[in-house]
Amino acid sequence: MSDEGSEDLEDENNKLGEYEGGRNEAGERHGLGKALLPNGDIYQGRYEDGKRHGSGTYRFKNGARYIGHYYQNQKHGQGTFHYPDGSKYEGSWVCDLREGYGVYTYPNGDTYDGEWLNHLRHGQGIYFYKDTGAKYKGTWVNGNMELAGEYIYTNHSYQGNFVNNCPHGHGRYIFDIGCEQNGEYHKPEQPVDTEQKGENIYSGKSEAMEEVLLLLQSIL
């Protein structure tokens, strides 16, 4: 879900709506306060010189809410965002974007625990699939599985290189019974849309997992 949009109205219409709280000598909102915006959103928390600054809670009319730190009107620092679809992000923000370490819980129960950059999974992270109990642990680049990574299942795992969300190049399967299979994995290039508007369930998971399982079946 995207969290962009509605809270910007406070900046555009900061003289409109209802406000209760402190003000500075210039008459700007300052200190603790509560604002009911013309669009129905509500902000309650700290202000500095007319801008949201410090800890606060922003409740959107659509049911979303952000609880955390602001800097000069932007989500910045630690905060939790609850999205209307039931998903939730807990972690670091930089200039209104998910950046740094954070945990995202998806509507279906999947979770991503790791690093973010510019609102996308980026860096080291673990994606857990609730429906199968499997997980991917490794490197992400701009929302995609890339470079070194590992798929971990209940009784086996795949370790190797990933390109565009799929195994590619040298890798190995490790089985609980004590054997390994090493080799090269190649797959025709196929585009995968992993990031739609906002942050959605990782859409490349089924294809990547099926490719790994098909190769496992050929080995066994």
N, C-alpha and C. Protein backbone atom coordinates (compact mmCIF):
# COMPACT_ATOMS: atom_id res chain seq x y z
N MET A 1 0.84 -1.20 0.00
CA MET A 1 0.00 0.00 0.00
C MET A 1 0.87 1.24 0.00
N SER A 2 0.41 2.26 -0.64
CA SER A 2 1.12 3.52 -0.63
C SER A 2 0.63 4.38 0.50
N ASP A 3 1.55 5.06 1.17
CA ASP A 3 1.16 5.93 2.28
C ASP A 3 1.35 7.39 1.91
N GLU A 4 1.55 7.66 0.62
CA GLU A 4 1.82 9.03 0.20
C GLU A 4 0.51 9.76 -0.10
N GLY A 5 0.48 11.04 0.15
CA GLY A 5 -0.66 11.82 -0.32
C GLY A 5 -1.36 12.64 0.72
N SER A 6 -2.22 12.01 1.51
CA SER A 6 -3.18 12.78 2.28
C SER A 6 -2.55 13.68 3.33
N GLU A 7 -1.45 13.27 3.97
CA GLU A 7 -0.93 14.11 5.03
C GLU A 7 -0.28 15.39 4.50
N ASP A 8 0.00 15.45 3.22
CA ASP A 8 0.58 16.67 2.66
C ASP A 8 -0.40 17.83 2.71
N LEU A 9 -1.68 17.54 2.84
CA LEU A 9 -2.66 18.61 2.87
C LEU A 9 -2.45 19.54 4.06
N GLU A 10 -1.84 19.05 5.12
CA GLU A 10 -1.62 19.93 6.27
C GLU A 10 -0.64 21.03 5.91
N ASP A 11 0.34 20.70 5.07
CA ASP A 11 1.31 21.72 4.67
C ASP A 11 0.66 22.76 3.77
N GLU A 12 -0.22 22.28 2.87
CA GLU A 12 -0.84 23.20 1.92
C GLU A 12 -1.91 24.06 2.57
N ASN A 13 -2.54 23.53 3.59
CA ASN A 13 -3.67 24.24 4.21
C ASN A 13 -3.48 24.37 5.72
N ASN A 14 -2.25 24.70 6.15
CA ASN A 14 -1.99 24.68 7.58
C ASN A 14 -2.71 25.78 8.35
N LYS A 15 -3.38 26.68 7.69
CA LYS A 15 -4.17 27.69 8.38
C LYS A 15 -5.64 27.28 8.44
N LEU A 16 -5.96 26.11 7.83
CA LEU A 16 -7.33 25.63 7.81
C LEU A 16 -7.49 24.48 8.79
N GLY A 17 -8.72 24.05 8.99
CA GLY A 17 -8.96 22.97 9.92
C GLY A 17 -8.94 23.46 11.35
N GLU A 18 -8.98 22.51 12.27
CA GLU A 18 -9.01 22.84 13.70
C GLU A 18 -7.70 22.45 14.35
N TYR A 19 -7.23 23.30 15.27
CA TYR A 19 -5.98 23.02 15.96
C TYR A 19 -6.09 23.42 17.43
N GLU A 20 -5.60 22.52 18.28
CA GLU A 20 -5.52 22.80 19.71
C GLU A 20 -4.10 22.50 20.16
N GLY A 21 -3.45 23.46 20.79
CA GLY A 21 -2.10 23.20 21.27
C GLY A 21 -1.26 24.45 21.35
N GLY A 22 0.02 24.24 21.54
CA GLY A 22 0.94 25.35 21.73
C GLY A 22 1.29 26.09 20.45
N ARG A 23 1.71 27.32 20.62
CA ARG A 23 2.18 28.13 19.50
C ARG A 23 3.40 28.92 19.95
N ASN A 24 4.23 29.32 18.98
CA ASN A 24 5.38 30.16 19.30
C ASN A 24 5.00 31.64 19.19
N GLU A 25 5.96 32.52 19.35
CA GLU A 25 5.68 33.95 19.32
C GLU A 25 5.17 34.41 17.96
N ALA A 26 5.51 33.67 16.91
CA ALA A 26 5.06 34.03 15.57
C ALA A 26 3.66 33.48 15.28
N GLY A 27 3.08 32.79 16.25
CA GLY A 27 1.74 32.24 16.06
C GLY A 27 1.73 30.89 15.36
N GLU A 28 2.90 30.32 15.13
CA GLU A 28 3.00 29.02 14.46
C GLU A 28 2.78 27.89 15.47
N ARG A 29 2.32 26.78 14.98
CA ARG A 29 2.15 25.63 15.85
C ARG A 29 3.50 25.21 16.42
N HIS A 30 3.54 25.01 17.73
CA HIS A 30 4.83 24.75 18.38
C HIS A 30 4.57 24.02 19.69
N GLY A 31 5.33 22.94 19.91
CA GLY A 31 5.12 22.14 21.10
C GLY A 31 4.07 21.07 20.83
N LEU A 32 3.39 20.64 21.89
CA LEU A 32 2.35 19.62 21.73
C LEU A 32 1.08 20.21 21.14
N GLY A 33 0.46 19.45 20.24
CA GLY A 33 -0.77 19.94 19.65
C GLY A 33 -1.54 18.85 18.95
N LYS A 34 -2.78 19.16 18.61
CA LYS A 34 -3.63 18.24 17.89
C LYS A 34 -4.32 18.99 16.77
N ALA A 35 -4.23 18.43 15.54
CA ALA A 35 -4.81 19.09 14.37
C ALA A 35 -5.81 18.16 13.69
N LEU A 36 -6.99 18.70 13.43
CA LEU A 36 -7.98 18.01 12.62
C LEU A 36 -7.98 18.69 11.26
N LEU A 37 -7.52 17.97 10.23
CA LEU A 37 -7.32 18.56 8.92
C LEU A 37 -8.61 18.58 8.11
N PRO A 38 -8.69 19.45 7.11
CA PRO A 38 -9.90 19.56 6.29
C PRO A 38 -10.30 18.25 5.60
N ASN A 39 -9.32 17.38 5.31
CA ASN A 39 -9.62 16.11 4.63
C ASN A 39 -10.03 15.00 5.59
N GLY A 40 -10.06 15.29 6.89
CA GLY A 40 -10.47 14.30 7.88
C GLY A 40 -9.33 13.60 8.58
N ASP A 41 -8.10 13.81 8.14
CA ASP A 41 -6.94 13.24 8.82
C ASP A 41 -6.72 13.94 10.16
N ILE A 42 -6.06 13.25 11.08
CA ILE A 42 -5.78 13.82 12.40
C ILE A 42 -4.32 13.61 12.74
N TYR A 43 -3.67 14.67 13.20
CA TYR A 43 -2.30 14.56 13.71
C TYR A 43 -2.28 15.01 15.16
N GLN A 44 -1.65 14.21 15.99
CA GLN A 44 -1.49 14.57 17.40
C GLN A 44 -0.05 14.28 17.80
N GLY A 45 0.64 15.33 18.22
CA GLY A 45 2.04 15.15 18.59
C GLY A 45 2.77 16.47 18.67
N ARG A 46 4.04 16.42 18.42
CA ARG A 46 4.88 17.61 18.60
C ARG A 46 5.05 18.39 17.30
N TYR A 47 5.11 19.72 17.46
CA TYR A 47 5.38 20.64 16.37
C TYR A 47 6.61 21.47 16.72
N GLU A 48 7.24 22.00 15.68
CA GLU A 48 8.31 22.99 15.86
C GLU A 48 8.23 24.00 14.73
N ASP A 49 7.98 25.24 15.10
CA ASP A 49 7.89 26.33 14.11
C ASP A 49 6.92 26.01 12.98
N GLY A 50 5.76 25.47 13.34
CA GLY A 50 4.71 25.23 12.37
C GLY A 50 4.76 23.90 11.64
N LYS A 51 5.77 23.08 11.93
CA LYS A 51 5.90 21.80 11.23
C LYS A 51 5.90 20.64 12.23
N ARG A 52 5.41 19.48 11.75
CA ARG A 52 5.48 18.29 12.58
C ARG A 52 6.95 17.96 12.82
N HIS A 53 7.31 17.85 14.09
CA HIS A 53 8.73 17.66 14.40
C HIS A 53 8.82 17.01 15.78
N GLY A 54 9.36 15.79 15.81
CA GLY A 54 9.40 15.03 17.05
C GLY A 54 8.43 13.87 16.97
N SER A 55 8.06 13.33 18.10
CA SER A 55 7.17 12.17 18.11
C SER A 55 5.72 12.58 17.89
N GLY A 56 4.97 11.74 17.18
CA GLY A 56 3.58 12.04 16.92
C GLY A 56 2.84 10.87 16.29
N THR A 57 1.54 11.01 16.22
CA THR A 57 0.68 10.00 15.59
C THR A 57 -0.17 10.67 14.53
N TYR A 58 -0.11 10.13 13.32
CA TYR A 58 -0.90 10.67 12.21
C TYR A 58 -1.91 9.61 11.80
N ARG A 59 -3.20 9.94 11.88
CA ARG A 59 -4.27 9.01 11.52
C ARG A 59 -4.92 9.49 10.22
N PHE A 60 -4.88 8.63 9.22
CA PHE A 60 -5.47 8.95 7.92
C PHE A 60 -6.95 8.59 7.91
N LYS A 61 -7.69 9.31 7.12
CA LYS A 61 -9.12 9.07 7.00
C LYS A 61 -9.40 7.67 6.46
N ASN A 62 -8.49 7.13 5.64
CA ASN A 62 -8.70 5.81 5.04
C ASN A 62 -8.38 4.65 5.99
N GLY A 63 -8.00 4.96 7.24
CA GLY A 63 -7.72 3.92 8.23
C GLY A 63 -6.25 3.68 8.49
N ALA A 64 -5.38 4.20 7.65
CA ALA A 64 -3.94 4.06 7.88
C ALA A 64 -3.52 4.95 9.03
N ARG A 65 -2.39 4.61 9.64
CA ARG A 65 -1.86 5.48 10.68
C ARG A 65 -0.35 5.29 10.82
N TYR A 66 0.31 6.37 11.18
CA TYR A 66 1.76 6.36 11.40
C TYR A 66 2.01 6.79 12.83
N ILE A 67 2.82 6.03 13.54
CA ILE A 67 3.19 6.35 14.92
C ILE A 67 4.71 6.37 14.97
N GLY A 68 5.28 7.53 15.20
CA GLY A 68 6.72 7.58 15.22
C GLY A 68 7.27 8.99 15.21
N HIS A 69 8.45 9.12 14.65
CA HIS A 69 9.18 10.37 14.70
C HIS A 69 9.07 11.15 13.40
N TYR A 70 8.98 12.46 13.54
CA TYR A 70 8.96 13.37 12.38
C TYR A 70 10.16 14.32 12.46
N TYR A 71 10.59 14.74 11.28
CA TYR A 71 11.62 15.79 11.19
C TYR A 71 11.21 16.74 10.07
N GLN A 72 10.90 17.98 10.43
CA GLN A 72 10.52 18.99 9.43
C GLN A 72 9.39 18.48 8.52
N ASN A 73 8.34 17.95 9.13
CA ASN A 73 7.13 17.51 8.44
C ASN A 73 7.25 16.16 7.73
N GLN A 74 8.40 15.50 7.81
CA GLN A 74 8.56 14.22 7.13
C GLN A 74 8.80 13.10 8.14
N LYS A 75 8.33 11.91 7.80
CA LYS A 75 8.62 10.75 8.63
C LYS A 75 10.13 10.52 8.58
N HIS A 76 10.75 10.51 9.73
CA HIS A 76 12.21 10.46 9.77
C HIS A 76 12.64 9.92 11.13
N GLY A 77 13.38 8.81 11.12
CA GLY A 77 13.75 8.15 12.36
C GLY A 77 12.95 6.87 12.51
N GLN A 78 12.68 6.47 13.72
CA GLN A 78 11.94 5.23 13.97
C GLN A 78 10.44 5.48 13.96
N GLY A 79 9.72 4.58 13.29
CA GLY A 79 8.27 4.72 13.24
C GLY A 79 7.59 3.47 12.74
N THR A 80 6.30 3.37 13.02
CA THR A 80 5.49 2.24 12.59
C THR A 80 4.34 2.75 11.75
N PHE A 81 4.17 2.17 10.56
CA PHE A 81 3.08 2.56 9.68
C PHE A 81 2.13 1.37 9.51
N HIS A 82 0.86 1.58 9.84
CA HIS A 82 -0.18 0.57 9.65
C HIS A 82 -0.95 0.95 8.38
N TYR A 83 -0.96 0.05 7.39
CA TYR A 83 -1.59 0.33 6.11
C TYR A 83 -3.04 -0.15 6.11
N PRO A 84 -3.89 0.42 5.26
CA PRO A 84 -5.31 0.05 5.22
C PRO A 84 -5.57 -1.41 4.90
N ASP A 85 -4.65 -2.06 4.17
CA ASP A 85 -4.85 -3.46 3.79
C ASP A 85 -4.46 -4.44 4.90
N GLY A 86 -4.00 -3.91 6.04
CA GLY A 86 -3.61 -4.76 7.16
C GLY A 86 -2.12 -5.00 7.27
N SER A 87 -1.35 -4.57 6.30
CA SER A 87 0.10 -4.71 6.37
C SER A 87 0.68 -3.67 7.32
N LYS A 88 1.92 -3.91 7.73
CA LYS A 88 2.54 -3.02 8.72
C LYS A 88 4.05 -2.97 8.51
N TYR A 89 4.61 -1.77 8.63
CA TYR A 89 6.06 -1.60 8.58
C TYR A 89 6.53 -1.00 9.89
N GLU A 90 7.53 -1.63 10.50
CA GLU A 90 8.13 -1.14 11.73
C GLU A 90 9.63 -0.97 11.49
N GLY A 91 10.11 0.25 11.58
CA GLY A 91 11.54 0.43 11.36
C GLY A 91 11.95 1.86 11.11
N SER A 92 13.02 2.00 10.35
CA SER A 92 13.65 3.29 10.12
C SER A 92 13.07 3.99 8.89
N TRP A 93 12.94 5.32 9.00
CA TRP A 93 12.48 6.17 7.90
C TRP A 93 13.51 7.27 7.65
N VAL A 94 13.64 7.65 6.39
CA VAL A 94 14.48 8.79 6.02
C VAL A 94 13.72 9.61 4.97
N CYS A 95 13.39 10.83 5.31
CA CYS A 95 12.70 11.73 4.38
C CYS A 95 11.44 11.09 3.79
N ASP A 96 10.59 10.56 4.65
CA ASP A 96 9.30 9.96 4.26
C ASP A 96 9.41 8.61 3.59
N LEU A 97 10.60 8.03 3.48
CA LEU A 97 10.78 6.74 2.81
C LEU A 97 11.32 5.68 3.77
N ARG A 98 10.92 4.42 3.54
CA ARG A 98 11.50 3.34 4.31
C ARG A 98 12.98 3.22 3.93
N GLU A 99 13.84 3.37 4.92
CA GLU A 99 15.28 3.31 4.66
C GLU A 99 16.01 2.91 5.93
N GLY A 100 16.98 1.98 5.79
CA GLY A 100 17.65 1.43 6.95
C GLY A 100 17.04 0.09 7.30
N TYR A 101 17.05 -0.26 8.57
CA TYR A 101 16.52 -1.57 8.98
C TYR A 101 15.04 -1.46 9.32
N GLY A 102 14.27 -2.48 8.87
CA GLY A 102 12.85 -2.50 9.20
C GLY A 102 12.22 -3.85 8.93
N VAL A 103 11.07 -4.07 9.54
CA VAL A 103 10.32 -5.31 9.36
C VAL A 103 8.97 -4.97 8.75
N TYR A 104 8.64 -5.64 7.63
CA TYR A 104 7.37 -5.43 6.95
C TYR A 104 6.55 -6.71 7.07
N THR A 105 5.34 -6.60 7.61
CA THR A 105 4.43 -7.73 7.70
C THR A 105 3.33 -7.54 6.66
N TYR A 106 3.16 -8.53 5.79
CA TYR A 106 2.22 -8.44 4.69
C TYR A 106 0.84 -8.97 5.09
N PRO A 107 -0.20 -8.63 4.32
CA PRO A 107 -1.56 -9.05 4.68
C PRO A 107 -1.73 -10.56 4.79
N ASN A 108 -0.96 -11.34 4.02
CA ASN A 108 -1.08 -12.80 4.05
C ASN A 108 -0.23 -13.45 5.14
N GLY A 109 0.48 -12.64 5.93
CA GLY A 109 1.31 -13.17 7.00
C GLY A 109 2.77 -13.31 6.66
N ASP A 110 3.15 -13.14 5.39
CA ASP A 110 4.57 -13.12 5.03
C ASP A 110 5.26 -11.96 5.73
N THR A 111 6.57 -12.09 5.94
CA THR A 111 7.33 -10.99 6.55
C THR A 111 8.65 -10.80 5.82
N TYR A 112 9.10 -9.56 5.79
CA TYR A 112 10.46 -9.25 5.33
C TYR A 112 11.16 -8.54 6.47
N ASP A 113 12.32 -9.06 6.85
CA ASP A 113 13.09 -8.54 7.98
C ASP A 113 14.48 -8.20 7.45
N GLY A 114 14.76 -6.91 7.29
CA GLY A 114 16.07 -6.57 6.75
C GLY A 114 16.22 -5.11 6.39
N GLU A 115 17.08 -4.87 5.42
CA GLU A 115 17.46 -3.50 5.06
C GLU A 115 16.60 -2.96 3.93
N TRP A 116 16.43 -1.63 3.94
CA TRP A 116 15.61 -0.92 2.94
C TRP A 116 16.38 0.29 2.41
N LEU A 117 16.01 0.69 1.19
CA LEU A 117 16.55 1.91 0.61
C LEU A 117 15.52 2.47 -0.37
N ASN A 118 15.16 3.73 -0.20
CA ASN A 118 14.19 4.38 -1.10
C ASN A 118 12.88 3.60 -1.21
N HIS A 119 12.39 3.10 -0.07
CA HIS A 119 11.10 2.41 0.00
C HIS A 119 11.16 0.97 -0.49
N LEU A 120 12.33 0.47 -0.93
CA LEU A 120 12.46 -0.87 -1.50
C LEU A 120 13.35 -1.75 -0.63
N ARG A 121 13.11 -3.07 -0.69
CA ARG A 121 14.02 -4.02 -0.03
C ARG A 121 15.38 -3.88 -0.70
N HIS A 122 16.40 -3.60 0.07
CA HIS A 122 17.72 -3.34 -0.52
C HIS A 122 18.79 -3.59 0.53
N GLY A 123 19.69 -4.54 0.23
CA GLY A 123 20.72 -4.91 1.19
C GLY A 123 20.49 -6.34 1.66
N GLN A 124 20.83 -6.64 2.90
CA GLN A 124 20.65 -7.97 3.44
C GLN A 124 19.28 -8.09 4.11
N GLY A 125 18.59 -9.20 3.82
CA GLY A 125 17.28 -9.38 4.42
C GLY A 125 16.77 -10.79 4.30
N ILE A 126 15.75 -11.09 5.11
CA ILE A 126 15.13 -12.41 5.13
C ILE A 126 13.64 -12.26 4.82
N TYR A 127 13.17 -13.00 3.80
CA TYR A 127 11.75 -13.02 3.47
C TYR A 127 11.20 -14.37 3.88
N PHE A 128 10.20 -14.36 4.76
CA PHE A 128 9.59 -15.59 5.27
C PHE A 128 8.22 -15.78 4.63
N TYR A 129 8.00 -16.98 4.07
CA TYR A 129 6.73 -17.33 3.43
C TYR A 129 5.87 -18.12 4.41
N LYS A 130 4.82 -17.52 4.90
CA LYS A 130 4.00 -18.15 5.92
C LYS A 130 3.33 -19.42 5.44
N ASP A 131 2.87 -19.45 4.17
CA ASP A 131 2.09 -20.58 3.69
C ASP A 131 2.91 -21.85 3.55
N THR A 132 4.23 -21.73 3.31
CA THR A 132 5.08 -22.92 3.14
C THR A 132 6.10 -23.10 4.26
N GLY A 133 6.37 -22.05 5.01
CA GLY A 133 7.40 -22.12 6.04
C GLY A 133 8.80 -21.93 5.49
N ALA A 134 8.91 -21.73 4.17
CA ALA A 134 10.22 -21.51 3.56
C ALA A 134 10.65 -20.06 3.75
N LYS A 135 11.93 -19.80 3.53
CA LYS A 135 12.41 -18.42 3.60
C LYS A 135 13.60 -18.23 2.69
N TYR A 136 13.73 -17.00 2.22
CA TYR A 136 14.90 -16.60 1.44
C TYR A 136 15.75 -15.68 2.31
N LYS A 137 17.03 -15.97 2.36
CA LYS A 137 17.97 -15.18 3.15
C LYS A 137 19.13 -14.78 2.26
N GLY A 138 19.30 -13.47 2.07
CA GLY A 138 20.38 -13.05 1.20
C GLY A 138 20.31 -11.59 0.81
N THR A 139 20.83 -11.30 -0.38
CA THR A 139 20.98 -9.93 -0.85
C THR A 139 19.79 -9.51 -1.70
N TRP A 140 19.35 -8.27 -1.49
CA TRP A 140 18.29 -7.66 -2.29
C TRP A 140 18.83 -6.39 -2.93
N VAL A 141 18.41 -6.14 -4.17
CA VAL A 141 18.80 -4.93 -4.88
C VAL A 141 17.55 -4.33 -5.52
N ASN A 142 17.17 -3.15 -5.08
CA ASN A 142 15.99 -2.46 -5.61
C ASN A 142 14.73 -3.33 -5.61
N GLY A 143 14.54 -4.06 -4.52
CA GLY A 143 13.34 -4.86 -4.35
C GLY A 143 13.43 -6.28 -4.86
N ASN A 144 14.54 -6.65 -5.53
CA ASN A 144 14.68 -7.97 -6.13
C ASN A 144 15.76 -8.80 -5.44
N MET A 145 15.60 -10.13 -5.51
CA MET A 145 16.64 -11.04 -5.06
C MET A 145 17.79 -10.98 -6.05
N GLU A 146 18.96 -10.63 -5.58
CA GLU A 146 20.12 -10.53 -6.46
C GLU A 146 21.37 -11.01 -5.71
N LEU A 147 22.36 -11.48 -6.48
CA LEU A 147 23.66 -11.88 -5.94
C LEU A 147 23.51 -13.10 -5.02
N ALA A 148 24.29 -13.18 -3.96
CA ALA A 148 24.32 -14.36 -3.11
C ALA A 148 23.09 -14.47 -2.23
N GLY A 149 22.52 -15.69 -2.19
CA GLY A 149 21.35 -15.91 -1.36
C GLY A 149 21.12 -17.37 -1.09
N GLU A 150 20.15 -17.64 -0.23
CA GLU A 150 19.84 -19.02 0.16
C GLU A 150 18.34 -19.19 0.35
N TYR A 151 17.77 -20.22 -0.29
CA TYR A 151 16.39 -20.63 -0.04
C TYR A 151 16.45 -21.76 0.99
N ILE A 152 15.72 -21.62 2.06
CA ILE A 152 15.74 -22.61 3.13
C ILE A 152 14.36 -23.24 3.26
N TYR A 153 14.30 -24.58 3.13
CA TYR A 153 13.06 -25.33 3.26
C TYR A 153 13.14 -26.21 4.51
N THR A 154 12.12 -27.01 4.74
CA THR A 154 12.09 -27.81 5.96
C THR A 154 13.17 -28.89 5.98
N ASN A 155 13.49 -29.48 4.82
CA ASN A 155 14.47 -30.57 4.82
C ASN A 155 15.59 -30.40 3.79
N HIS A 156 15.68 -29.24 3.19
CA HIS A 156 16.76 -28.99 2.23
C HIS A 156 16.90 -27.47 2.03
N SER A 157 17.97 -27.09 1.40
CA SER A 157 18.19 -25.67 1.09
C SER A 157 18.95 -25.54 -0.21
N TYR A 158 18.82 -24.37 -0.82
CA TYR A 158 19.57 -24.05 -2.03
C TYR A 158 20.42 -22.82 -1.75
N GLN A 159 21.71 -22.92 -2.02
CA GLN A 159 22.64 -21.81 -1.84
C GLN A 159 23.27 -21.48 -3.18
N GLY A 160 23.24 -20.20 -3.54
CA GLY A 160 23.85 -19.83 -4.81
C GLY A 160 23.61 -18.39 -5.18
N ASN A 161 23.80 -18.12 -6.45
CA ASN A 161 23.64 -16.77 -6.97
C ASN A 161 22.22 -16.58 -7.51
N PHE A 162 21.69 -15.36 -7.36
CA PHE A 162 20.36 -15.05 -7.87
C PHE A 162 20.43 -13.85 -8.80
N VAL A 163 19.63 -13.88 -9.86
CA VAL A 163 19.51 -12.77 -10.79
C VAL A 163 18.03 -12.56 -11.07
N ASN A 164 17.55 -11.34 -10.84
CA ASN A 164 16.15 -11.01 -11.12
C ASN A 164 15.19 -12.01 -10.46
N ASN A 165 15.46 -12.30 -9.18
CA ASN A 165 14.59 -13.12 -8.33
C ASN A 165 14.69 -14.63 -8.55
N CYS A 166 15.56 -15.09 -9.44
CA CYS A 166 15.65 -16.52 -9.72
C CYS A 166 17.10 -17.01 -9.60
N PRO A 167 17.28 -18.30 -9.22
CA PRO A 167 18.63 -18.86 -9.17
C PRO A 167 19.31 -18.74 -10.53
N HIS A 168 20.59 -18.43 -10.52
CA HIS A 168 21.33 -18.28 -11.78
C HIS A 168 22.81 -18.47 -11.51
N GLY A 169 23.44 -19.33 -12.30
CA GLY A 169 24.87 -19.57 -12.14
C GLY A 169 25.14 -20.70 -11.15
N HIS A 170 26.32 -20.67 -10.55
CA HIS A 170 26.73 -21.75 -9.66
C HIS A 170 25.88 -21.78 -8.39
N GLY A 171 25.51 -22.99 -7.98
CA GLY A 171 24.77 -23.15 -6.74
C GLY A 171 24.81 -24.58 -6.26
N ARG A 172 24.28 -24.81 -5.09
CA ARG A 172 24.27 -26.17 -4.56
C ARG A 172 23.03 -26.40 -3.71
N TYR A 173 22.54 -27.65 -3.76
CA TYR A 173 21.44 -28.08 -2.91
C TYR A 173 22.02 -28.90 -1.77
N ILE A 174 21.57 -28.61 -0.57
CA ILE A 174 22.01 -29.34 0.62
C ILE A 174 20.80 -30.02 1.24
N PHE A 175 20.88 -31.35 1.42
CA PHE A 175 19.75 -32.12 1.93
C PHE A 175 20.04 -32.59 3.36
N ASP A 176 18.97 -32.71 4.13
CA ASP A 176 19.12 -33.15 5.52
C ASP A 176 19.66 -34.56 5.64
N ILE A 177 19.52 -35.36 4.59
CA ILE A 177 19.99 -36.74 4.65
C ILE A 177 21.52 -36.82 4.52
N GLY A 178 22.16 -35.64 4.27
CA GLY A 178 23.61 -35.59 4.28
C GLY A 178 24.28 -35.52 2.92
N CYS A 179 23.52 -35.36 1.84
CA CYS A 179 24.12 -35.28 0.51
C CYS A 179 23.97 -33.87 -0.07
N GLU A 180 24.77 -33.57 -1.08
CA GLU A 180 24.75 -32.28 -1.75
C GLU A 180 24.70 -32.48 -3.26
N GLN A 181 24.19 -31.49 -3.97
CA GLN A 181 24.22 -31.47 -5.43
C GLN A 181 24.75 -30.10 -5.86
N ASN A 182 25.89 -30.09 -6.55
CA ASN A 182 26.50 -28.86 -7.02
C ASN A 182 26.36 -28.75 -8.54
N GLY A 183 26.24 -27.51 -9.03
CA GLY A 183 26.16 -27.34 -10.47
C GLY A 183 25.86 -25.92 -10.88
N GLU A 184 25.50 -25.77 -12.16
CA GLU A 184 25.17 -24.47 -12.72
C GLU A 184 23.68 -24.41 -13.02
N TYR A 185 23.09 -23.27 -12.73
CA TYR A 185 21.66 -23.09 -12.98
C TYR A 185 21.49 -21.93 -13.95
N HIS A 186 20.76 -22.19 -15.05
CA HIS A 186 20.51 -21.14 -16.03
C HIS A 186 19.03 -21.13 -16.39
N LYS A 187 18.49 -19.96 -16.58
CA LYS A 187 17.06 -19.80 -16.88
C LYS A 187 16.90 -18.63 -17.85
N PRO A 188 16.01 -18.76 -18.84
CA PRO A 188 15.76 -17.64 -19.76
C PRO A 188 15.29 -16.41 -19.02
N GLU A 189 15.70 -15.26 -19.46
CA GLU A 189 15.33 -13.99 -18.83
C GLU A 189 13.84 -13.75 -18.94
N GLN A 190 13.18 -13.52 -17.82
CA GLN A 190 11.76 -13.21 -17.80
C GLN A 190 11.52 -12.09 -16.81
N PRO A 191 10.91 -10.98 -17.26
CA PRO A 191 10.68 -9.86 -16.34
C PRO A 191 9.67 -10.24 -15.27
N VAL A 192 9.91 -9.79 -14.04
CA VAL A 192 9.01 -10.02 -12.93
C VAL A 192 8.72 -8.70 -12.25
N ASP A 193 7.45 -8.37 -12.13
CA ASP A 193 7.06 -7.12 -11.48
C ASP A 193 6.93 -7.36 -9.99
N THR A 194 7.96 -7.01 -9.21
CA THR A 194 7.95 -7.26 -7.77
C THR A 194 7.49 -6.06 -6.98
N GLU A 195 7.42 -4.89 -7.59
CA GLU A 195 7.01 -3.70 -6.85
C GLU A 195 5.93 -2.98 -7.63
N GLN A 196 4.71 -3.09 -7.18
CA GLN A 196 3.63 -2.35 -7.77
C GLN A 196 3.49 -1.06 -6.97
N LYS A 197 2.37 -0.39 -7.10
CA LYS A 197 2.17 0.84 -6.35
C LYS A 197 2.22 0.55 -4.88
N GLY A 198 3.14 1.16 -4.18
CA GLY A 198 3.30 0.91 -2.76
C GLY A 198 4.08 -0.38 -2.56
N GLU A 199 3.91 -0.97 -1.40
CA GLU A 199 4.63 -2.18 -1.04
C GLU A 199 3.66 -3.34 -0.97
N ASN A 200 3.81 -4.32 -1.86
CA ASN A 200 2.89 -5.44 -1.92
C ASN A 200 3.61 -6.74 -1.59
N ILE A 201 2.85 -7.82 -1.50
CA ILE A 201 3.43 -9.13 -1.27
C ILE A 201 4.42 -9.43 -2.39
N TYR A 202 5.54 -10.03 -2.05
CA TYR A 202 6.59 -10.30 -3.03
C TYR A 202 6.05 -11.20 -4.13
N SER A 203 5.85 -10.66 -5.33
CA SER A 203 5.16 -11.37 -6.40
C SER A 203 6.03 -12.35 -7.14
N GLY A 204 7.35 -12.31 -6.95
CA GLY A 204 8.23 -13.24 -7.65
C GLY A 204 8.44 -14.54 -6.90
N LYS A 205 7.86 -14.68 -5.72
CA LYS A 205 8.20 -15.81 -4.88
C LYS A 205 7.77 -17.14 -5.50
N SER A 206 6.56 -17.24 -6.05
CA SER A 206 6.05 -18.51 -6.55
C SER A 206 6.92 -19.03 -7.69
N GLU A 207 7.26 -18.16 -8.62
CA GLU A 207 8.06 -18.58 -9.76
C GLU A 207 9.43 -19.07 -9.31
N ALA A 208 10.08 -18.31 -8.45
CA ALA A 208 11.42 -18.69 -8.00
C ALA A 208 11.39 -20.00 -7.23
N MET A 209 10.42 -20.16 -6.34
CA MET A 209 10.32 -21.38 -5.55
C MET A 209 9.99 -22.59 -6.43
N GLU A 210 9.11 -22.41 -7.43
CA GLU A 210 8.76 -23.50 -8.32
C GLU A 210 9.96 -23.95 -9.14
N GLU A 211 10.78 -22.98 -9.58
CA GLU A 211 11.96 -23.34 -10.36
C GLU A 211 12.91 -24.18 -9.53
N VAL A 212 13.10 -23.81 -8.27
CA VAL A 212 13.97 -24.56 -7.38
C VAL A 212 13.42 -25.96 -7.15
N LEU A 213 12.11 -26.08 -6.91
CA LEU A 213 11.50 -27.37 -6.64
C LEU A 213 11.55 -28.29 -7.86
N LEU A 214 11.35 -27.72 -9.05
CA LEU A 214 11.42 -28.52 -10.27
C LEU A 214 12.82 -29.11 -10.47
N LEU A 215 13.83 -28.30 -10.17
CA LEU A 215 15.19 -28.79 -10.31
C LEU A 215 15.47 -29.87 -9.27
N LEU A 216 14.91 -29.69 -8.08
CA LEU A 216 15.06 -30.70 -7.03
C LEU A 216 14.47 -32.04 -7.48
N GLN A 217 13.29 -31.99 -8.10
CA GLN A 217 12.63 -33.20 -8.54
C GLN A 217 13.48 -33.93 -9.59
N SER A 218 14.12 -33.17 -10.46
CA SER A 218 14.95 -33.79 -11.49
C SER A 218 16.18 -34.45 -10.88
N ILE A 219 16.66 -33.89 -9.76
CA ILE A 219 17.83 -34.44 -9.09
C ILE A 219 17.46 -35.73 -8.36
N LEU A 220 16.30 -35.67 -7.66
CA LEU A 220 15.88 -36.80 -6.85
C LEU A 220 15.30 -37.92 -7.74
